[in-house]
Amino acid sequence: MNIQPINNSVSMQGGQNNNAWNNLKNSVVQKIIDVVPEHTHKESAKKLEKWNKIDNWVSKPAQNRGIMGATAILTQPFIDYNNKKVDEETRKMAFLNRLAVILAGTSVGMFIVRGPIHTLTEKMTNLKGKSKFSKALLPKKFMNEIAENEKFLKNYRVALSTSLAVATCAITNFLLDAPLTIFLTNLFHDKLSDKEKKALPKGQEVKNG
């Protein structure tokens, strides 16, 4: 009979101690949550905004083509020039030709094809436009979804302009890229030849001729 009250007393005391500990622990955790996430959230928001701006710039077809061209021009010509399976003169011509191909393709792609097409696409997918062509390239089936989702419209524009640019390149490759590549290759070759002639000792060119 006397044991029951003692047990109850001990149990209650233990429960009070546990509650006090849990309250203290929760209070400390809450203090940490109140302080740390605010700073982390602000920093994350700034980084997210910065990356969104970069993504918006890079995702545009013209800029995307420029990045591809810059990457190619820093690698491919030098791979051709260091091909030891062919003689030096062939390596030089391969280097110059590859350089011309990349410059011609990148220039035409950025300034004649992708840039103008993307601008035209934006004008013809303008939900707020007043002209009869402002919504000409918008699919009526998904008009509501596009109007409610800005990211959907952005991705649609990028996909559409890129597809149109690729189709256009099938024509410009023959009309613009190929002639420009030949012109640049000849220009680079002439410049290199003149430079090599000037580097020869005086009278050496006549002797070799």
N, C-alpha and C. Protein backbone atom coordinates (compact mmCIF):
# COMPACT_ATOMS: atom_id res chain seq x y z
N MET A 1 0.84 -1.21 0.00
CA MET A 1 0.00 0.00 0.00
C MET A 1 0.87 1.25 0.00
N ASN A 2 1.98 1.20 0.70
CA ASN A 2 2.84 2.37 0.79
C ASN A 2 3.71 2.55 -0.45
N ILE A 3 3.88 1.47 -1.24
CA ILE A 3 4.79 1.54 -2.40
C ILE A 3 4.19 2.37 -3.53
N GLN A 4 2.86 2.28 -3.70
CA GLN A 4 2.22 2.94 -4.84
C GLN A 4 2.43 4.46 -4.84
N PRO A 5 2.21 5.15 -3.73
CA PRO A 5 2.43 6.60 -3.73
C PRO A 5 3.86 6.98 -4.05
N ILE A 6 4.83 6.18 -3.53
CA ILE A 6 6.24 6.47 -3.77
C ILE A 6 6.54 6.37 -5.26
N ASN A 7 6.04 5.30 -5.88
CA ASN A 7 6.26 5.12 -7.32
C ASN A 7 5.66 6.25 -8.13
N ASN A 8 4.44 6.66 -7.70
CA ASN A 8 3.79 7.76 -8.42
C ASN A 8 4.59 9.04 -8.29
N SER A 9 5.13 9.27 -7.12
CA SER A 9 5.90 10.48 -6.88
C SER A 9 7.16 10.50 -7.74
N VAL A 10 7.84 9.39 -7.80
CA VAL A 10 9.06 9.29 -8.59
C VAL A 10 8.74 9.46 -10.06
N SER A 11 7.65 8.82 -10.51
CA SER A 11 7.26 8.88 -11.91
C SER A 11 6.93 10.30 -12.32
N MET A 12 6.19 11.01 -11.43
CA MET A 12 5.81 12.38 -11.72
C MET A 12 7.03 13.28 -11.77
N GLN A 13 7.98 13.05 -10.86
CA GLN A 13 9.20 13.86 -10.82
C GLN A 13 10.01 13.64 -12.09
N GLY A 14 10.08 12.33 -12.51
CA GLY A 14 10.81 12.03 -13.74
C GLY A 14 10.15 12.67 -14.94
N GLY A 15 8.80 12.64 -14.98
CA GLY A 15 8.08 13.26 -16.08
C GLY A 15 8.31 14.75 -16.13
N GLN A 16 8.34 15.41 -14.98
CA GLN A 16 8.59 16.84 -14.93
C GLN A 16 9.98 17.18 -15.44
N ASN A 17 10.96 16.34 -15.03
CA ASN A 17 12.33 16.57 -15.49
C ASN A 17 12.43 16.42 -17.02
N ASN A 18 11.76 15.39 -17.54
CA ASN A 18 11.79 15.16 -18.99
C ASN A 18 11.13 16.32 -19.74
N ASN A 19 10.00 16.79 -19.19
CA ASN A 19 9.32 17.90 -19.83
C ASN A 19 10.18 19.17 -19.82
N ALA A 20 10.84 19.40 -18.71
CA ALA A 20 11.71 20.58 -18.61
C ALA A 20 12.85 20.49 -19.61
N TRP A 21 13.44 19.30 -19.73
CA TRP A 21 14.54 19.09 -20.69
C TRP A 21 14.07 19.27 -22.14
N ASN A 22 12.91 18.68 -22.44
CA ASN A 22 12.37 18.80 -23.80
C ASN A 22 12.04 20.25 -24.15
N ASN A 23 11.47 20.97 -23.16
CA ASN A 23 11.15 22.38 -23.38
C ASN A 23 12.41 23.19 -23.64
N LEU A 24 13.45 22.92 -22.86
CA LEU A 24 14.72 23.63 -23.04
C LEU A 24 15.33 23.30 -24.40
N LYS A 25 15.34 22.02 -24.74
CA LYS A 25 15.90 21.58 -26.02
C LYS A 25 15.14 22.20 -27.19
N ASN A 26 13.81 22.17 -27.12
CA ASN A 26 13.00 22.75 -28.19
C ASN A 26 13.21 24.25 -28.31
N SER A 27 13.39 24.88 -27.18
CA SER A 27 13.61 26.33 -27.18
C SER A 27 14.93 26.68 -27.86
N VAL A 28 15.98 25.90 -27.55
CA VAL A 28 17.29 26.13 -28.17
C VAL A 28 17.23 25.88 -29.67
N VAL A 29 16.59 24.78 -30.07
CA VAL A 29 16.47 24.45 -31.49
C VAL A 29 15.70 25.54 -32.23
N GLN A 30 14.64 26.04 -31.61
CA GLN A 30 13.84 27.08 -32.24
C GLN A 30 14.64 28.37 -32.43
N LYS A 31 15.46 28.67 -31.42
CA LYS A 31 16.32 29.87 -31.52
C LYS A 31 17.27 29.75 -32.72
N ILE A 32 17.84 28.55 -32.87
CA ILE A 32 18.75 28.32 -34.00
C ILE A 32 18.00 28.45 -35.33
N ILE A 33 16.82 27.86 -35.41
CA ILE A 33 16.02 27.92 -36.64
C ILE A 33 15.65 29.36 -36.97
N ASP A 34 15.33 30.15 -35.92
CA ASP A 34 14.93 31.54 -36.15
C ASP A 34 16.06 32.39 -36.69
N VAL A 35 17.29 32.04 -36.31
CA VAL A 35 18.44 32.87 -36.71
C VAL A 35 19.06 32.40 -38.03
N VAL A 36 19.39 31.11 -38.14
CA VAL A 36 20.16 30.62 -39.28
C VAL A 36 19.40 30.64 -40.59
N PRO A 37 18.20 30.09 -40.68
CA PRO A 37 17.54 30.02 -41.98
C PRO A 37 17.31 31.37 -42.65
N GLU A 38 17.13 32.43 -41.83
CA GLU A 38 16.89 33.74 -42.43
C GLU A 38 18.07 34.15 -43.30
N HIS A 39 19.28 34.01 -42.77
CA HIS A 39 20.49 34.35 -43.53
C HIS A 39 20.65 33.41 -44.73
N THR A 40 20.44 32.12 -44.47
CA THR A 40 20.60 31.13 -45.54
C THR A 40 19.60 31.38 -46.66
N HIS A 41 18.39 31.71 -46.32
CA HIS A 41 17.35 31.94 -47.31
C HIS A 41 17.69 33.15 -48.18
N LYS A 42 18.15 34.21 -47.53
CA LYS A 42 18.49 35.42 -48.28
C LYS A 42 19.64 35.16 -49.24
N GLU A 43 20.66 34.45 -48.76
CA GLU A 43 21.80 34.14 -49.62
C GLU A 43 21.38 33.22 -50.77
N SER A 44 20.54 32.24 -50.46
CA SER A 44 20.08 31.32 -51.49
C SER A 44 19.23 32.04 -52.53
N ALA A 45 18.42 32.99 -52.06
CA ALA A 45 17.58 33.75 -52.99
C ALA A 45 18.42 34.58 -53.94
N LYS A 46 19.50 35.17 -53.40
CA LYS A 46 20.39 35.97 -54.25
C LYS A 46 21.08 35.09 -55.28
N LYS A 47 21.56 33.92 -54.84
CA LYS A 47 22.23 33.00 -55.77
C LYS A 47 21.25 32.49 -56.82
N LEU A 48 20.02 32.19 -56.39
CA LEU A 48 19.01 31.69 -57.32
C LEU A 48 18.67 32.75 -58.36
N GLU A 49 18.55 34.00 -57.92
CA GLU A 49 18.26 35.09 -58.84
C GLU A 49 19.40 35.27 -59.84
N LYS A 50 20.64 35.17 -59.34
CA LYS A 50 21.80 35.30 -60.21
C LYS A 50 21.84 34.19 -61.25
N TRP A 51 21.59 32.95 -60.82
CA TRP A 51 21.61 31.83 -61.75
C TRP A 51 20.46 31.91 -62.75
N ASN A 52 19.32 32.46 -62.33
CA ASN A 52 18.20 32.62 -63.25
C ASN A 52 18.55 33.60 -64.36
N LYS A 53 19.27 34.68 -64.00
CA LYS A 53 19.69 35.66 -65.01
C LYS A 53 20.67 35.02 -65.99
N ILE A 54 21.63 34.24 -65.45
CA ILE A 54 22.60 33.56 -66.31
C ILE A 54 21.89 32.56 -67.22
N ASP A 55 20.94 31.82 -66.64
CA ASP A 55 20.20 30.82 -67.41
C ASP A 55 19.39 31.47 -68.52
N ASN A 56 18.76 32.61 -68.22
CA ASN A 56 17.98 33.33 -69.23
C ASN A 56 18.86 33.80 -70.37
N TRP A 57 20.09 34.21 -70.05
CA TRP A 57 21.01 34.70 -71.08
C TRP A 57 21.56 33.55 -71.92
N VAL A 58 21.99 32.49 -71.23
CA VAL A 58 22.60 31.35 -71.93
C VAL A 58 21.58 30.59 -72.78
N SER A 59 20.34 30.53 -72.33
CA SER A 59 19.33 29.73 -73.03
C SER A 59 18.90 30.36 -74.35
N LYS A 60 19.21 31.63 -74.59
CA LYS A 60 18.86 32.26 -75.85
C LYS A 60 19.69 31.64 -76.97
N PRO A 61 19.08 31.35 -78.11
CA PRO A 61 19.77 30.62 -79.19
C PRO A 61 21.07 31.28 -79.66
N ALA A 62 21.07 32.60 -79.80
CA ALA A 62 22.27 33.29 -80.30
C ALA A 62 23.43 33.15 -79.32
N GLN A 63 23.15 33.39 -78.03
CA GLN A 63 24.21 33.27 -77.03
C GLN A 63 24.67 31.82 -76.90
N ASN A 64 23.73 30.91 -76.99
CA ASN A 64 24.08 29.49 -76.93
C ASN A 64 25.00 29.09 -78.07
N ARG A 65 24.72 29.62 -79.26
CA ARG A 65 25.57 29.34 -80.43
C ARG A 65 26.95 29.96 -80.24
N GLY A 66 27.00 31.14 -79.63
CA GLY A 66 28.28 31.79 -79.38
C GLY A 66 29.15 31.02 -78.41
N ILE A 67 28.54 30.46 -77.37
CA ILE A 67 29.28 29.65 -76.40
C ILE A 67 29.82 28.39 -77.05
N MET A 68 29.01 27.77 -77.90
CA MET A 68 29.46 26.58 -78.62
C MET A 68 30.64 26.91 -79.54
N GLY A 69 30.53 28.06 -80.22
CA GLY A 69 31.60 28.48 -81.12
C GLY A 69 32.89 28.79 -80.38
N ALA A 70 32.77 29.47 -79.23
CA ALA A 70 33.95 29.80 -78.45
C ALA A 70 34.65 28.54 -77.93
N THR A 71 33.85 27.58 -77.49
CA THR A 71 34.42 26.32 -77.02
C THR A 71 35.13 25.58 -78.16
N ALA A 72 34.50 25.58 -79.33
CA ALA A 72 35.08 24.89 -80.48
C ALA A 72 36.38 25.54 -80.94
N ILE A 73 36.41 26.87 -80.95
CA ILE A 73 37.58 27.57 -81.47
C ILE A 73 38.79 27.43 -80.54
N LEU A 74 38.53 27.12 -79.28
CA LEU A 74 39.62 26.94 -78.32
C LEU A 74 40.16 25.51 -78.29
N THR A 75 39.51 24.61 -79.00
CA THR A 75 39.93 23.20 -78.94
C THR A 75 40.19 22.58 -80.31
N GLN A 76 39.21 22.63 -81.20
CA GLN A 76 39.27 21.85 -82.45
C GLN A 76 40.44 22.23 -83.37
N PRO A 77 40.72 23.52 -83.63
CA PRO A 77 41.85 23.84 -84.51
C PRO A 77 43.18 23.30 -84.01
N PHE A 78 43.36 23.32 -82.70
CA PHE A 78 44.62 22.86 -82.13
C PHE A 78 44.74 21.33 -82.16
N ILE A 79 43.61 20.66 -82.11
CA ILE A 79 43.62 19.20 -82.28
C ILE A 79 44.08 18.85 -83.69
N ASP A 80 43.58 19.60 -84.68
CA ASP A 80 43.98 19.37 -86.07
C ASP A 80 45.47 19.69 -86.26
N TYR A 81 45.91 20.75 -85.62
CA TYR A 81 47.30 21.17 -85.82
C TYR A 81 48.29 20.18 -85.19
N ASN A 82 47.85 19.48 -84.17
CA ASN A 82 48.74 18.54 -83.49
C ASN A 82 48.56 17.10 -83.96
N ASN A 83 47.93 16.94 -85.10
CA ASN A 83 47.76 15.61 -85.69
C ASN A 83 49.08 15.18 -86.35
N LYS A 84 49.81 14.32 -85.72
CA LYS A 84 51.13 13.89 -86.20
C LYS A 84 51.07 12.88 -87.34
N LYS A 85 49.88 12.48 -87.72
CA LYS A 85 49.74 11.49 -88.79
C LYS A 85 49.89 12.11 -90.18
N VAL A 86 49.90 13.43 -90.25
CA VAL A 86 50.04 14.12 -91.53
C VAL A 86 51.23 15.07 -91.46
N ASP A 87 51.65 15.56 -92.63
CA ASP A 87 52.81 16.45 -92.66
C ASP A 87 52.44 17.85 -92.17
N GLU A 88 53.45 18.67 -91.98
CA GLU A 88 53.26 19.99 -91.37
C GLU A 88 52.36 20.90 -92.21
N GLU A 89 52.56 20.88 -93.54
CA GLU A 89 51.76 21.74 -94.41
C GLU A 89 50.28 21.37 -94.33
N THR A 90 50.00 20.07 -94.29
CA THR A 90 48.61 19.61 -94.17
C THR A 90 48.02 20.02 -92.83
N ARG A 91 48.83 19.94 -91.77
CA ARG A 91 48.37 20.35 -90.45
C ARG A 91 48.02 21.83 -90.44
N LYS A 92 48.84 22.64 -91.07
CA LYS A 92 48.58 24.08 -91.12
C LYS A 92 47.26 24.37 -91.84
N MET A 93 47.06 23.73 -92.98
CA MET A 93 45.84 23.95 -93.75
C MET A 93 44.61 23.46 -92.99
N ALA A 94 44.76 22.32 -92.30
CA ALA A 94 43.65 21.80 -91.50
C ALA A 94 43.31 22.77 -90.37
N PHE A 95 44.34 23.33 -89.75
CA PHE A 95 44.15 24.31 -88.68
C PHE A 95 43.40 25.54 -89.20
N LEU A 96 43.86 26.09 -90.32
CA LEU A 96 43.25 27.29 -90.89
C LEU A 96 41.82 27.03 -91.36
N ASN A 97 41.61 25.88 -91.97
CA ASN A 97 40.27 25.55 -92.46
C ASN A 97 39.29 25.37 -91.31
N ARG A 98 39.74 24.67 -90.27
CA ARG A 98 38.87 24.47 -89.11
C ARG A 98 38.53 25.79 -88.44
N LEU A 99 39.51 26.67 -88.35
CA LEU A 99 39.30 27.99 -87.78
C LEU A 99 38.27 28.77 -88.59
N ALA A 100 38.40 28.70 -89.91
CA ALA A 100 37.46 29.40 -90.79
C ALA A 100 36.05 28.83 -90.67
N VAL A 101 35.94 27.51 -90.61
CA VAL A 101 34.63 26.86 -90.49
C VAL A 101 33.91 27.31 -89.23
N ILE A 102 34.64 27.32 -88.12
CA ILE A 102 34.03 27.70 -86.84
C ILE A 102 33.62 29.17 -86.83
N LEU A 103 34.50 30.04 -87.31
CA LEU A 103 34.19 31.47 -87.34
C LEU A 103 33.00 31.77 -88.26
N ALA A 104 32.98 31.13 -89.42
CA ALA A 104 31.88 31.35 -90.35
C ALA A 104 30.56 30.84 -89.77
N GLY A 105 30.58 29.62 -89.26
CA GLY A 105 29.36 29.03 -88.71
C GLY A 105 28.84 29.79 -87.51
N THR A 106 29.74 30.22 -86.63
CA THR A 106 29.33 30.94 -85.43
C THR A 106 28.78 32.32 -85.79
N SER A 107 29.45 33.02 -86.69
CA SER A 107 29.00 34.36 -87.07
C SER A 107 27.64 34.33 -87.74
N VAL A 108 27.49 33.45 -88.72
CA VAL A 108 26.20 33.34 -89.41
C VAL A 108 25.12 32.88 -88.44
N GLY A 109 25.45 31.90 -87.61
CA GLY A 109 24.47 31.37 -86.66
C GLY A 109 23.99 32.39 -85.66
N MET A 110 24.92 33.23 -85.15
CA MET A 110 24.56 34.20 -84.13
C MET A 110 23.83 35.41 -84.70
N PHE A 111 24.41 36.02 -85.73
CA PHE A 111 23.96 37.33 -86.17
C PHE A 111 22.97 37.32 -87.34
N ILE A 112 22.91 36.22 -88.07
CA ILE A 112 22.02 36.17 -89.23
C ILE A 112 20.86 35.20 -89.01
N VAL A 113 21.11 34.11 -88.29
CA VAL A 113 20.07 33.09 -88.13
C VAL A 113 19.42 33.15 -86.75
N ARG A 114 20.16 32.76 -85.73
CA ARG A 114 19.54 32.54 -84.41
C ARG A 114 19.06 33.83 -83.74
N GLY A 115 19.90 34.87 -83.79
CA GLY A 115 19.51 36.12 -83.15
C GLY A 115 18.23 36.70 -83.73
N PRO A 116 18.18 36.96 -85.05
CA PRO A 116 16.96 37.50 -85.65
C PRO A 116 15.74 36.60 -85.50
N ILE A 117 15.96 35.29 -85.63
CA ILE A 117 14.82 34.37 -85.51
C ILE A 117 14.26 34.39 -84.10
N HIS A 118 15.13 34.46 -83.09
CA HIS A 118 14.65 34.51 -81.71
C HIS A 118 13.86 35.79 -81.47
N THR A 119 14.36 36.91 -81.99
CA THR A 119 13.66 38.19 -81.84
C THR A 119 12.29 38.14 -82.52
N LEU A 120 12.26 37.57 -83.72
CA LEU A 120 11.00 37.44 -84.46
C LEU A 120 10.03 36.52 -83.71
N THR A 121 10.56 35.45 -83.13
CA THR A 121 9.73 34.51 -82.37
C THR A 121 9.10 35.19 -81.17
N GLU A 122 9.88 36.01 -80.47
CA GLU A 122 9.36 36.71 -79.30
C GLU A 122 8.22 37.65 -79.69
N LYS A 123 8.38 38.34 -80.83
CA LYS A 123 7.34 39.27 -81.27
C LYS A 123 6.08 38.54 -81.72
N MET A 124 6.23 37.31 -82.20
CA MET A 124 5.07 36.56 -82.69
C MET A 124 4.52 35.59 -81.65
N THR A 125 5.03 35.68 -80.42
CA THR A 125 4.47 34.91 -79.29
C THR A 125 4.22 35.85 -78.12
N ASN A 126 3.79 37.05 -78.44
CA ASN A 126 3.56 38.08 -77.43
C ASN A 126 2.08 38.09 -77.03
N LEU A 127 1.81 37.62 -75.82
CA LEU A 127 0.43 37.52 -75.34
C LEU A 127 -0.22 38.90 -75.19
N LYS A 128 0.60 39.93 -75.00
CA LYS A 128 0.06 41.28 -74.80
C LYS A 128 0.10 42.11 -76.08
N GLY A 129 0.55 41.50 -77.17
CA GLY A 129 0.67 42.23 -78.43
C GLY A 129 -0.69 42.58 -79.02
N LYS A 130 -0.71 43.66 -79.78
CA LYS A 130 -1.97 44.14 -80.37
C LYS A 130 -2.07 43.81 -81.87
N SER A 131 -0.95 43.52 -82.51
CA SER A 131 -0.99 43.25 -83.94
C SER A 131 -1.54 41.85 -84.22
N LYS A 132 -1.92 41.64 -85.48
CA LYS A 132 -2.51 40.35 -85.84
C LYS A 132 -1.48 39.22 -85.87
N PHE A 133 -0.19 39.60 -85.86
CA PHE A 133 0.87 38.60 -85.87
C PHE A 133 1.46 38.33 -84.49
N SER A 134 1.03 39.05 -83.48
CA SER A 134 1.64 38.94 -82.15
C SER A 134 1.45 37.57 -81.52
N LYS A 135 0.40 36.85 -81.92
CA LYS A 135 0.14 35.51 -81.36
C LYS A 135 0.16 34.44 -82.46
N ALA A 136 0.76 34.77 -83.59
CA ALA A 136 0.71 33.88 -84.75
C ALA A 136 1.40 32.54 -84.49
N LEU A 137 2.44 32.53 -83.66
CA LEU A 137 3.18 31.29 -83.40
C LEU A 137 2.82 30.63 -82.07
N LEU A 138 1.74 31.09 -81.46
CA LEU A 138 1.28 30.49 -80.21
C LEU A 138 0.23 29.43 -80.50
N PRO A 139 0.40 28.24 -79.97
CA PRO A 139 -0.60 27.17 -80.19
C PRO A 139 -1.88 27.46 -79.41
N LYS A 140 -2.97 27.54 -80.08
CA LYS A 140 -4.24 27.87 -79.42
C LYS A 140 -4.63 26.82 -78.38
N LYS A 141 -4.20 25.60 -78.62
CA LYS A 141 -4.55 24.51 -77.71
C LYS A 141 -3.97 24.72 -76.32
N PHE A 142 -2.77 25.34 -76.25
CA PHE A 142 -2.11 25.53 -74.96
C PHE A 142 -2.06 27.00 -74.55
N MET A 143 -2.94 27.83 -75.10
CA MET A 143 -2.92 29.25 -74.83
C MET A 143 -3.10 29.57 -73.35
N ASN A 144 -4.02 28.88 -72.69
CA ASN A 144 -4.28 29.14 -71.27
C ASN A 144 -3.09 28.76 -70.41
N GLU A 145 -2.50 27.59 -70.71
CA GLU A 145 -1.34 27.15 -69.95
C GLU A 145 -0.17 28.12 -70.12
N ILE A 146 0.02 28.59 -71.34
CA ILE A 146 1.11 29.53 -71.61
C ILE A 146 0.87 30.85 -70.89
N ALA A 147 -0.36 31.32 -70.90
CA ALA A 147 -0.70 32.59 -70.26
C ALA A 147 -0.49 32.54 -68.75
N GLU A 148 -0.69 31.37 -68.16
CA GLU A 148 -0.57 31.24 -66.71
C GLU A 148 0.83 30.87 -66.25
N ASN A 149 1.68 30.47 -67.16
CA ASN A 149 3.01 29.97 -66.78
C ASN A 149 4.09 30.66 -67.62
N GLU A 150 4.79 31.62 -67.01
CA GLU A 150 5.82 32.37 -67.73
C GLU A 150 6.98 31.48 -68.16
N LYS A 151 7.33 30.51 -67.31
CA LYS A 151 8.43 29.60 -67.63
C LYS A 151 8.08 28.73 -68.83
N PHE A 152 6.82 28.33 -68.92
CA PHE A 152 6.35 27.54 -70.06
C PHE A 152 6.53 28.33 -71.35
N LEU A 153 6.18 29.61 -71.32
CA LEU A 153 6.31 30.47 -72.50
C LEU A 153 7.78 30.64 -72.88
N LYS A 154 8.63 30.82 -71.88
CA LYS A 154 10.07 30.97 -72.14
C LYS A 154 10.63 29.73 -72.81
N ASN A 155 10.32 28.56 -72.27
CA ASN A 155 10.82 27.31 -72.84
C ASN A 155 10.26 27.07 -74.24
N TYR A 156 9.01 27.45 -74.44
CA TYR A 156 8.38 27.29 -75.76
C TYR A 156 9.09 28.16 -76.79
N ARG A 157 9.39 29.39 -76.41
CA ARG A 157 10.09 30.30 -77.33
C ARG A 157 11.47 29.77 -77.70
N VAL A 158 12.20 29.31 -76.70
CA VAL A 158 13.55 28.79 -76.95
C VAL A 158 13.49 27.58 -77.87
N ALA A 159 12.59 26.65 -77.59
CA ALA A 159 12.46 25.44 -78.40
C ALA A 159 12.05 25.78 -79.83
N LEU A 160 11.09 26.69 -79.97
CA LEU A 160 10.59 27.06 -81.30
C LEU A 160 11.66 27.79 -82.12
N SER A 161 12.31 28.77 -81.50
CA SER A 161 13.32 29.54 -82.23
C SER A 161 14.52 28.68 -82.60
N THR A 162 14.89 27.75 -81.72
CA THR A 162 16.00 26.85 -82.02
C THR A 162 15.65 25.92 -83.19
N SER A 163 14.42 25.40 -83.18
CA SER A 163 13.98 24.52 -84.28
C SER A 163 13.96 25.27 -85.61
N LEU A 164 13.45 26.50 -85.59
CA LEU A 164 13.42 27.31 -86.81
C LEU A 164 14.83 27.64 -87.29
N ALA A 165 15.72 27.89 -86.33
CA ALA A 165 17.10 28.22 -86.68
C ALA A 165 17.81 27.03 -87.32
N VAL A 166 17.57 25.84 -86.78
CA VAL A 166 18.19 24.63 -87.34
C VAL A 166 17.69 24.40 -88.78
N ALA A 167 16.40 24.61 -88.99
CA ALA A 167 15.84 24.45 -90.33
C ALA A 167 16.43 25.49 -91.29
N THR A 168 16.60 26.71 -90.80
CA THR A 168 17.16 27.78 -91.63
C THR A 168 18.62 27.51 -91.97
N CYS A 169 19.33 26.90 -91.03
CA CYS A 169 20.75 26.61 -91.25
C CYS A 169 20.96 25.64 -92.41
N ALA A 170 19.97 24.82 -92.69
CA ALA A 170 20.09 23.90 -93.82
C ALA A 170 20.24 24.67 -95.14
N ILE A 171 19.72 25.91 -95.15
CA ILE A 171 19.83 26.75 -96.35
C ILE A 171 21.07 27.63 -96.28
N THR A 172 21.28 28.25 -95.12
CA THR A 172 22.41 29.18 -94.99
C THR A 172 23.76 28.47 -95.05
N ASN A 173 23.78 27.19 -94.74
CA ASN A 173 25.05 26.45 -94.81
C ASN A 173 25.63 26.48 -96.23
N PHE A 174 24.74 26.44 -97.21
CA PHE A 174 25.19 26.46 -98.60
C PHE A 174 25.34 27.89 -99.13
N LEU A 175 24.42 28.76 -98.73
CA LEU A 175 24.43 30.12 -99.27
C LEU A 175 25.43 31.04 -98.60
N LEU A 176 25.68 30.82 -97.31
CA LEU A 176 26.53 31.75 -96.56
C LEU A 176 27.76 31.09 -95.94
N ASP A 177 27.55 29.99 -95.20
CA ASP A 177 28.65 29.36 -94.47
C ASP A 177 29.78 28.90 -95.39
N ALA A 178 29.41 28.18 -96.45
CA ALA A 178 30.43 27.61 -97.34
C ALA A 178 31.26 28.68 -98.04
N PRO A 179 30.64 29.70 -98.68
CA PRO A 179 31.44 30.75 -99.31
C PRO A 179 32.30 31.53 -98.31
N LEU A 180 31.72 31.80 -97.13
CA LEU A 180 32.48 32.54 -96.12
C LEU A 180 33.65 31.71 -95.61
N THR A 181 33.47 30.41 -95.47
CA THR A 181 34.55 29.53 -95.03
C THR A 181 35.71 29.54 -96.03
N ILE A 182 35.37 29.45 -97.32
CA ILE A 182 36.41 29.48 -98.36
C ILE A 182 37.16 30.81 -98.33
N PHE A 183 36.41 31.89 -98.20
CA PHE A 183 37.02 33.23 -98.16
C PHE A 183 37.98 33.36 -96.98
N LEU A 184 37.53 32.94 -95.80
CA LEU A 184 38.36 33.07 -94.60
C LEU A 184 39.59 32.16 -94.66
N THR A 185 39.41 30.95 -95.19
CA THR A 185 40.54 30.02 -95.31
C THR A 185 41.62 30.61 -96.21
N ASN A 186 41.22 31.14 -97.35
CA ASN A 186 42.18 31.77 -98.26
C ASN A 186 42.83 33.00 -97.62
N LEU A 187 42.03 33.77 -96.91
CA LEU A 187 42.56 34.97 -96.25
C LEU A 187 43.61 34.60 -95.21
N PHE A 188 43.28 33.62 -94.36
CA PHE A 188 44.22 33.18 -93.32
C PHE A 188 45.49 32.60 -93.95
N HIS A 189 45.32 31.84 -95.03
CA HIS A 189 46.48 31.22 -95.69
C HIS A 189 47.40 32.28 -96.27
N ASP A 190 46.81 33.31 -96.89
CA ASP A 190 47.63 34.39 -97.46
C ASP A 190 48.37 35.16 -96.36
N LYS A 191 47.67 35.43 -95.27
CA LYS A 191 48.30 36.15 -94.16
C LYS A 191 49.46 35.33 -93.58
N LEU A 192 49.25 34.02 -93.42
CA LEU A 192 50.29 33.15 -92.87
C LEU A 192 51.47 33.06 -93.83
N SER A 193 51.19 32.96 -95.11
CA SER A 193 52.27 32.88 -96.11
C SER A 193 53.11 34.16 -96.10
N ASP A 194 52.45 35.31 -96.03
CA ASP A 194 53.18 36.58 -95.98
C ASP A 194 54.03 36.67 -94.73
N LYS A 195 53.49 36.19 -93.62
CA LYS A 195 54.24 36.23 -92.38
C LYS A 195 55.46 35.32 -92.42
N GLU A 196 55.30 34.14 -93.01
CA GLU A 196 56.41 33.20 -93.13
C GLU A 196 57.48 33.74 -94.07
N LYS A 197 57.07 34.41 -95.15
CA LYS A 197 58.04 34.98 -96.09
C LYS A 197 58.87 36.08 -95.43
N LYS A 198 58.17 36.90 -94.61
CA LYS A 198 58.88 37.97 -93.92
C LYS A 198 59.85 37.43 -92.88
N ALA A 199 59.55 36.23 -92.35
CA ALA A 199 60.42 35.64 -91.33
C ALA A 199 61.66 34.99 -91.92
N LEU A 200 61.68 34.74 -93.25
CA LEU A 200 62.83 34.12 -93.90
C LEU A 200 64.01 35.09 -93.96
N PRO A 201 65.24 34.57 -93.91
CA PRO A 201 66.43 35.44 -94.08
C PRO A 201 66.40 36.13 -95.44
N LYS A 202 67.00 37.27 -95.53
CA LYS A 202 66.98 38.06 -96.76
C LYS A 202 67.62 37.27 -97.89
N GLY A 203 66.91 37.14 -99.01
CA GLY A 203 67.41 36.41 -100.17
C GLY A 203 67.05 34.94 -100.17
N GLN A 204 66.54 34.42 -99.06
CA GLN A 204 66.21 33.00 -98.95
C GLN A 204 65.04 32.63 -99.86
N GLU A 205 64.07 33.53 -99.97
CA GLU A 205 62.89 33.24 -100.80
C GLU A 205 63.28 33.11 -102.28
N VAL A 206 64.19 33.99 -102.72
CA VAL A 206 64.63 33.93 -104.12
C VAL A 206 65.38 32.65 -104.39
N LYS A 207 66.22 32.26 -103.44
CA LYS A 207 67.00 31.03 -103.60
C LYS A 207 66.12 29.82 -103.69
N ASN A 208 65.08 29.75 -102.81
CA ASN A 208 64.17 28.62 -102.82
C ASN A 208 63.34 28.58 -104.09
N GLY A 209 63.06 29.76 -104.64
CA GLY A 209 62.26 29.82 -105.86
C GLY A 209 63.07 29.37 -107.04
